[in-house]
């Protein structure tokens, strides 16, 4: 089979005289093995925590959503010393979609209070 995953994206900005629309449409992606891990994970603020991808053998597309209504969460790969190399930030309600490299260990850390992070990882 082919094109089992369909990703759609669009963005629109209207801020005073600044206006921009980005509508690339959708892409279709092959999924070699059937699999999905997903849950709402409580991410603390005292130290970065490993994002639990469950029993996925080959990382594919990751979807993160900050379920908190007040606090933000940062996320990124392991520095190699069991710590986070921040490469992303999700404000309340925001979503990130990206492909995860096969051997990556992801970390996340909440801002000032624990947040629920909705984590979905699709098998590649």
N, C-alpha and C. Protein backbone atom coordinates (compact mmCIF):
# COMPACT_ATOMS: atom_id res chain seq x y z
N UNK A 1 0.83 -1.17 0.00
CA UNK A 1 0.00 0.00 0.00
C UNK A 1 0.87 1.24 0.00
N UNK A 2 0.25 2.40 -0.20
CA UNK A 2 0.98 3.67 -0.23
C UNK A 2 0.07 4.80 0.22
N UNK A 3 0.70 5.86 0.63
CA UNK A 3 -0.02 7.09 1.00
C UNK A 3 -1.01 6.87 2.15
N UNK A 4 -0.60 6.12 3.17
CA UNK A 4 -1.49 5.83 4.29
C UNK A 4 -1.67 7.04 5.21
N UNK A 5 -0.68 7.91 5.26
CA UNK A 5 -0.74 9.09 6.11
C UNK A 5 -0.99 10.32 5.23
N UNK A 6 -1.97 11.13 5.60
CA UNK A 6 -2.24 12.37 4.88
C UNK A 6 -2.08 13.52 5.88
N UNK A 7 -1.22 14.46 5.53
CA UNK A 7 -0.99 15.64 6.37
C UNK A 7 -1.49 16.87 5.62
N UNK A 8 -2.29 17.69 6.30
CA UNK A 8 -2.82 18.91 5.71
C UNK A 8 -2.39 20.09 6.56
N UNK A 9 -2.05 21.19 5.89
CA UNK A 9 -1.60 22.35 6.65
C UNK A 9 -1.95 23.62 5.92
N UNK A 10 -2.25 24.64 6.70
CA UNK A 10 -2.48 25.97 6.16
C UNK A 10 -2.31 26.98 7.27
N UNK A 11 -1.91 28.19 6.91
CA UNK A 11 -1.74 29.26 7.90
C UNK A 11 -2.15 30.58 7.27
N UNK A 12 -2.74 31.42 8.11
CA UNK A 12 -3.16 32.73 7.65
C UNK A 12 -2.83 33.74 8.74
N UNK A 13 -2.23 34.87 8.35
CA UNK A 13 -1.89 35.93 9.28
C UNK A 13 -2.54 37.22 8.82
N UNK A 14 -3.20 37.92 9.72
CA UNK A 14 -3.75 39.24 9.45
C UNK A 14 -3.47 40.09 10.68
N UNK A 15 -2.42 40.91 10.61
CA UNK A 15 -1.98 41.74 11.72
C UNK A 15 -1.80 43.16 11.20
N UNK A 16 -2.84 43.95 11.30
CA UNK A 16 -2.79 45.30 10.73
C UNK A 16 -2.66 45.22 9.22
N UNK A 17 -1.64 45.92 8.69
CA UNK A 17 -1.41 45.90 7.24
C UNK A 17 -0.62 44.67 6.78
N UNK A 18 -0.09 43.92 7.74
CA UNK A 18 0.65 42.70 7.39
C UNK A 18 -0.33 41.55 7.21
N UNK A 19 -0.32 41.00 6.01
CA UNK A 19 -1.20 39.86 5.71
C UNK A 19 -0.40 38.82 4.95
N UNK A 20 -0.65 37.58 5.31
CA UNK A 20 0.05 36.49 4.62
C UNK A 20 -0.81 35.23 4.69
N UNK A 21 -0.84 34.50 3.60
CA UNK A 21 -1.54 33.21 3.55
C UNK A 21 -0.57 32.17 3.02
N UNK A 22 -0.52 31.04 3.70
CA UNK A 22 0.32 29.92 3.29
C UNK A 22 -0.58 28.70 3.20
N UNK A 23 -0.84 28.22 2.02
CA UNK A 23 -1.74 27.08 1.80
C UNK A 23 -1.04 26.05 0.90
N UNK A 24 -0.09 25.30 1.45
CA UNK A 24 0.61 24.32 0.62
C UNK A 24 -0.23 23.09 0.28
N UNK A 25 -1.40 22.97 0.89
CA UNK A 25 -2.25 21.81 0.61
C UNK A 25 -1.90 20.64 1.50
N UNK A 26 -1.93 19.46 0.94
CA UNK A 26 -1.66 18.26 1.73
C UNK A 26 -0.58 17.43 1.07
N UNK A 27 0.03 16.57 1.88
CA UNK A 27 0.98 15.60 1.34
C UNK A 27 0.54 14.22 1.79
N UNK A 28 0.91 13.23 1.02
CA UNK A 28 0.62 11.85 1.37
C UNK A 28 1.94 11.13 1.59
N UNK A 29 1.99 10.37 2.67
CA UNK A 29 3.23 9.73 3.09
C UNK A 29 2.99 8.24 3.28
N UNK A 30 3.95 7.43 2.85
CA UNK A 30 3.86 5.99 3.05
C UNK A 30 4.15 5.64 4.51
N UNK A 31 3.45 4.64 5.02
CA UNK A 31 3.73 4.08 6.34
C UNK A 31 4.08 2.61 6.13
N UNK A 32 5.35 2.26 6.35
CA UNK A 32 5.83 0.91 6.07
C UNK A 32 5.27 -0.12 7.05
N UNK A 33 5.10 0.27 8.31
CA UNK A 33 4.59 -0.65 9.33
C UNK A 33 3.43 0.02 10.06
N UNK A 34 2.42 -0.75 10.38
CA UNK A 34 1.26 -0.22 11.10
C UNK A 34 1.64 -0.01 12.56
N UNK A 35 1.41 1.20 13.05
CA UNK A 35 1.70 1.45 14.46
C UNK A 35 1.45 2.89 14.84
N UNK A 36 1.01 3.07 16.11
CA UNK A 36 0.78 4.39 16.67
C UNK A 36 0.93 4.31 18.17
N UNK A 37 1.61 5.29 18.72
CA UNK A 37 1.67 5.44 20.17
C UNK A 37 1.06 6.79 20.48
N UNK A 38 0.31 6.86 21.55
CA UNK A 38 -0.28 8.14 21.90
C UNK A 38 -0.87 8.16 23.28
N UNK A 39 -0.78 9.31 23.92
CA UNK A 39 -1.30 9.49 25.26
C UNK A 39 -1.13 10.96 25.67
N UNK A 40 -1.74 11.33 26.76
CA UNK A 40 -1.50 12.64 27.36
C UNK A 40 -0.49 12.43 28.48
N UNK A 41 0.67 13.03 28.33
CA UNK A 41 1.76 12.83 29.28
C UNK A 41 1.94 14.09 30.12
N UNK A 42 1.98 13.92 31.43
CA UNK A 42 2.22 15.05 32.33
C UNK A 42 3.70 15.38 32.29
N UNK A 43 4.01 16.62 31.87
CA UNK A 43 5.39 17.09 31.79
C UNK A 43 5.62 18.07 32.93
N UNK A 44 6.63 17.80 33.74
CA UNK A 44 6.94 18.66 34.87
C UNK A 44 7.81 19.84 34.49
N UNK A 45 8.04 20.74 35.47
CA UNK A 45 8.82 21.94 35.21
C UNK A 45 10.17 21.95 35.92
N UNK A 46 10.38 21.04 36.84
CA UNK A 46 11.62 21.04 37.61
C UNK A 46 12.82 20.62 36.76
N UNK A 47 12.61 19.65 35.87
CA UNK A 47 13.69 19.17 35.01
C UNK A 47 13.07 18.60 33.74
N UNK A 48 13.84 18.57 32.66
CA UNK A 48 13.36 18.00 31.41
C UNK A 48 13.04 16.52 31.59
N UNK A 49 11.99 16.07 30.94
CA UNK A 49 11.56 14.68 31.04
C UNK A 49 11.52 14.03 29.66
N UNK A 50 11.81 12.75 29.60
CA UNK A 50 11.76 12.02 28.34
C UNK A 50 10.32 11.94 27.86
N UNK A 51 10.11 12.28 26.59
CA UNK A 51 8.79 12.13 25.98
C UNK A 51 8.61 10.66 25.64
N UNK A 52 7.56 10.05 26.17
CA UNK A 52 7.32 8.62 26.01
C UNK A 52 6.66 8.33 24.67
N UNK A 53 7.40 7.69 23.78
CA UNK A 53 6.87 7.32 22.46
C UNK A 53 6.28 5.92 22.43
N UNK A 54 6.20 5.25 23.57
CA UNK A 54 5.58 3.93 23.60
C UNK A 54 6.41 2.88 22.89
N UNK A 55 5.73 1.89 22.33
CA UNK A 55 6.40 0.74 21.71
C UNK A 55 6.53 0.88 20.20
N UNK A 56 6.97 2.01 19.74
CA UNK A 56 7.20 2.22 18.30
C UNK A 56 8.62 1.78 17.97
N UNK A 57 8.76 0.93 16.98
CA UNK A 57 10.10 0.44 16.65
C UNK A 57 10.84 1.37 15.68
N UNK A 58 10.13 2.05 14.80
CA UNK A 58 10.75 2.99 13.87
C UNK A 58 9.97 4.31 13.90
N UNK A 59 10.61 5.35 14.45
CA UNK A 59 9.95 6.65 14.57
C UNK A 59 9.51 7.18 13.21
N UNK A 60 8.32 7.78 13.20
CA UNK A 60 7.80 8.42 12.01
C UNK A 60 7.38 9.84 12.35
N UNK A 61 6.13 10.19 12.03
CA UNK A 61 5.63 11.53 12.31
C UNK A 61 5.18 11.65 13.76
N UNK A 62 5.57 12.76 14.38
CA UNK A 62 5.20 13.05 15.75
C UNK A 62 4.27 14.27 15.75
N UNK A 63 3.23 14.19 16.57
CA UNK A 63 2.31 15.30 16.74
C UNK A 63 2.25 15.60 18.23
N UNK A 64 2.63 16.82 18.60
CA UNK A 64 2.60 17.25 19.99
C UNK A 64 1.58 18.37 20.12
N UNK A 65 0.78 18.34 21.19
CA UNK A 65 -0.14 19.44 21.46
C UNK A 65 -0.12 19.74 22.95
N UNK A 66 0.07 21.02 23.26
CA UNK A 66 0.04 21.47 24.64
C UNK A 66 -1.42 21.59 25.08
N UNK A 67 -1.85 20.77 26.01
CA UNK A 67 -3.23 20.77 26.47
C UNK A 67 -3.48 21.75 27.62
N UNK A 68 -2.43 22.42 28.07
CA UNK A 68 -2.58 23.37 29.17
C UNK A 68 -3.20 24.69 28.66
N UNK A 69 -3.90 25.40 29.53
CA UNK A 69 -4.53 26.66 29.14
C UNK A 69 -3.73 27.88 29.57
N UNK A 70 -2.63 27.66 30.31
CA UNK A 70 -1.86 28.78 30.84
C UNK A 70 -0.37 28.72 30.52
N UNK A 71 0.24 27.57 30.65
CA UNK A 71 1.70 27.45 30.60
C UNK A 71 2.20 26.86 29.28
N UNK A 72 3.41 27.26 28.94
CA UNK A 72 4.03 26.70 27.73
C UNK A 72 4.94 25.54 28.08
N UNK A 73 5.34 24.81 27.05
CA UNK A 73 6.26 23.69 27.21
C UNK A 73 7.31 23.77 26.10
N UNK A 74 8.56 23.50 26.44
CA UNK A 74 9.62 23.43 25.43
C UNK A 74 9.93 21.96 25.16
N UNK A 75 10.45 21.69 23.98
CA UNK A 75 10.76 20.32 23.61
C UNK A 75 11.98 20.30 22.70
N UNK A 76 12.64 19.14 22.66
CA UNK A 76 13.80 18.98 21.79
C UNK A 76 14.51 17.68 22.07
N UNK A 77 15.56 17.41 21.30
CA UNK A 77 16.29 16.15 21.45
C UNK A 77 17.22 16.16 22.67
N UNK A 78 17.66 14.97 23.01
CA UNK A 78 18.63 14.75 24.08
C UNK A 78 19.95 15.40 23.67
N UNK A 79 20.61 16.07 24.60
CA UNK A 79 21.91 16.68 24.34
C UNK A 79 23.02 15.65 24.31
N UNK A 80 22.72 14.44 24.74
CA UNK A 80 23.74 13.42 24.90
C UNK A 80 24.13 13.27 26.36
N UNK A 81 23.59 14.16 27.19
CA UNK A 81 23.88 14.12 28.63
C UNK A 81 22.58 14.08 29.42
N UNK A 82 21.57 13.40 28.88
CA UNK A 82 20.26 13.27 29.53
C UNK A 82 19.66 14.63 29.87
N UNK A 83 19.75 15.54 28.92
CA UNK A 83 19.18 16.88 29.08
C UNK A 83 18.60 17.33 27.74
N UNK A 84 17.81 18.38 27.76
CA UNK A 84 17.11 18.84 26.57
C UNK A 84 17.92 19.87 25.78
N UNK A 85 17.95 19.72 24.48
CA UNK A 85 18.44 20.75 23.57
C UNK A 85 17.18 21.38 22.97
N UNK A 86 16.73 22.47 23.53
CA UNK A 86 15.45 23.06 23.14
C UNK A 86 15.48 23.47 21.67
N UNK A 87 14.49 22.98 20.94
CA UNK A 87 14.34 23.38 19.54
C UNK A 87 12.91 23.80 19.23
N UNK A 88 12.01 23.67 20.22
CA UNK A 88 10.63 24.06 19.99
C UNK A 88 9.95 24.49 21.26
N UNK A 89 8.91 25.30 21.10
CA UNK A 89 8.12 25.79 22.22
C UNK A 89 6.65 25.75 21.81
N UNK A 90 5.82 25.24 22.70
CA UNK A 90 4.38 25.20 22.44
C UNK A 90 3.67 26.01 23.51
N UNK A 91 3.06 27.09 23.09
CA UNK A 91 2.22 27.87 24.00
C UNK A 91 0.92 27.10 24.21
N UNK A 92 0.09 27.53 25.16
CA UNK A 92 -1.16 26.81 25.43
C UNK A 92 -1.97 26.54 24.16
N UNK A 93 -2.34 25.27 23.96
CA UNK A 93 -3.15 24.87 22.83
C UNK A 93 -2.42 24.68 21.51
N UNK A 94 -1.16 25.06 21.44
CA UNK A 94 -0.43 24.96 20.17
C UNK A 94 -0.04 23.52 19.83
N UNK A 95 0.23 23.32 18.53
CA UNK A 95 0.52 22.00 17.98
C UNK A 95 1.81 22.04 17.18
N UNK A 96 2.59 20.98 17.24
CA UNK A 96 3.77 20.81 16.39
C UNK A 96 3.67 19.46 15.70
N UNK A 97 4.00 19.43 14.41
CA UNK A 97 4.01 18.19 13.63
C UNK A 97 5.37 18.10 12.94
N UNK A 98 6.06 16.99 13.14
CA UNK A 98 7.38 16.84 12.55
C UNK A 98 7.74 15.36 12.47
N UNK A 99 8.66 15.03 11.59
CA UNK A 99 9.17 13.66 11.49
C UNK A 99 10.33 13.52 12.46
N UNK A 100 10.35 12.41 13.21
CA UNK A 100 11.38 12.17 14.21
C UNK A 100 12.43 11.22 13.63
N UNK A 101 13.69 11.58 13.80
CA UNK A 101 14.79 10.73 13.34
C UNK A 101 14.71 9.37 14.06
N UNK A 102 15.19 8.30 13.42
CA UNK A 102 15.01 6.94 13.94
C UNK A 102 15.48 6.69 15.37
N UNK A 103 16.59 7.27 15.80
CA UNK A 103 17.14 6.93 17.11
C UNK A 103 17.02 8.06 18.13
N UNK A 104 16.26 9.07 17.83
CA UNK A 104 16.21 10.25 18.69
C UNK A 104 15.50 9.97 20.01
N UNK A 105 15.99 10.59 21.06
CA UNK A 105 15.31 10.60 22.35
C UNK A 105 14.86 12.03 22.57
N UNK A 106 13.55 12.22 22.72
CA UNK A 106 12.98 13.57 22.87
C UNK A 106 12.73 13.87 24.34
N UNK A 107 12.95 15.13 24.71
CA UNK A 107 12.67 15.62 26.04
C UNK A 107 11.68 16.77 25.96
N UNK A 108 10.98 17.02 27.06
CA UNK A 108 10.10 18.18 27.16
C UNK A 108 10.19 18.72 28.58
N UNK A 109 9.93 20.03 28.71
CA UNK A 109 9.95 20.66 30.03
C UNK A 109 8.92 21.77 30.07
N UNK A 110 8.10 21.76 31.10
CA UNK A 110 7.07 22.78 31.27
C UNK A 110 7.70 24.07 31.81
N UNK A 111 6.98 25.16 31.63
CA UNK A 111 7.45 26.49 32.02
C UNK A 111 7.46 26.67 33.54
N UNK A 112 6.31 26.88 34.15
CA UNK A 112 6.27 27.17 35.58
C UNK A 112 5.40 26.20 36.37
N UNK A 113 4.66 25.37 35.67
CA UNK A 113 3.83 24.34 36.32
C UNK A 113 3.68 23.19 35.34
N UNK A 114 3.41 22.00 35.86
CA UNK A 114 3.25 20.84 34.99
C UNK A 114 2.15 21.04 33.96
N UNK A 115 2.37 20.52 32.76
CA UNK A 115 1.37 20.60 31.69
C UNK A 115 1.11 19.21 31.14
N UNK A 116 -0.08 19.02 30.60
CA UNK A 116 -0.37 17.80 29.87
C UNK A 116 0.03 18.02 28.42
N UNK A 117 0.87 17.14 27.92
CA UNK A 117 1.32 17.18 26.54
C UNK A 117 0.71 16.00 25.81
N UNK A 118 -0.12 16.27 24.81
CA UNK A 118 -0.71 15.21 24.00
C UNK A 118 0.34 14.76 23.00
N UNK A 119 0.75 13.51 23.10
CA UNK A 119 1.82 12.96 22.28
C UNK A 119 1.26 11.87 21.37
N UNK A 120 1.46 12.01 20.07
CA UNK A 120 1.13 10.95 19.12
C UNK A 120 2.35 10.71 18.24
N UNK A 121 2.74 9.46 18.10
CA UNK A 121 3.85 9.10 17.21
C UNK A 121 3.35 7.99 16.29
N UNK A 122 3.47 8.24 15.00
CA UNK A 122 3.09 7.23 14.00
C UNK A 122 4.32 6.44 13.59
N UNK A 123 4.16 5.15 13.48
CA UNK A 123 5.24 4.29 12.98
C UNK A 123 5.61 4.75 11.58
N UNK A 124 6.89 4.67 11.24
CA UNK A 124 7.33 5.09 9.91
C UNK A 124 6.97 4.06 8.86
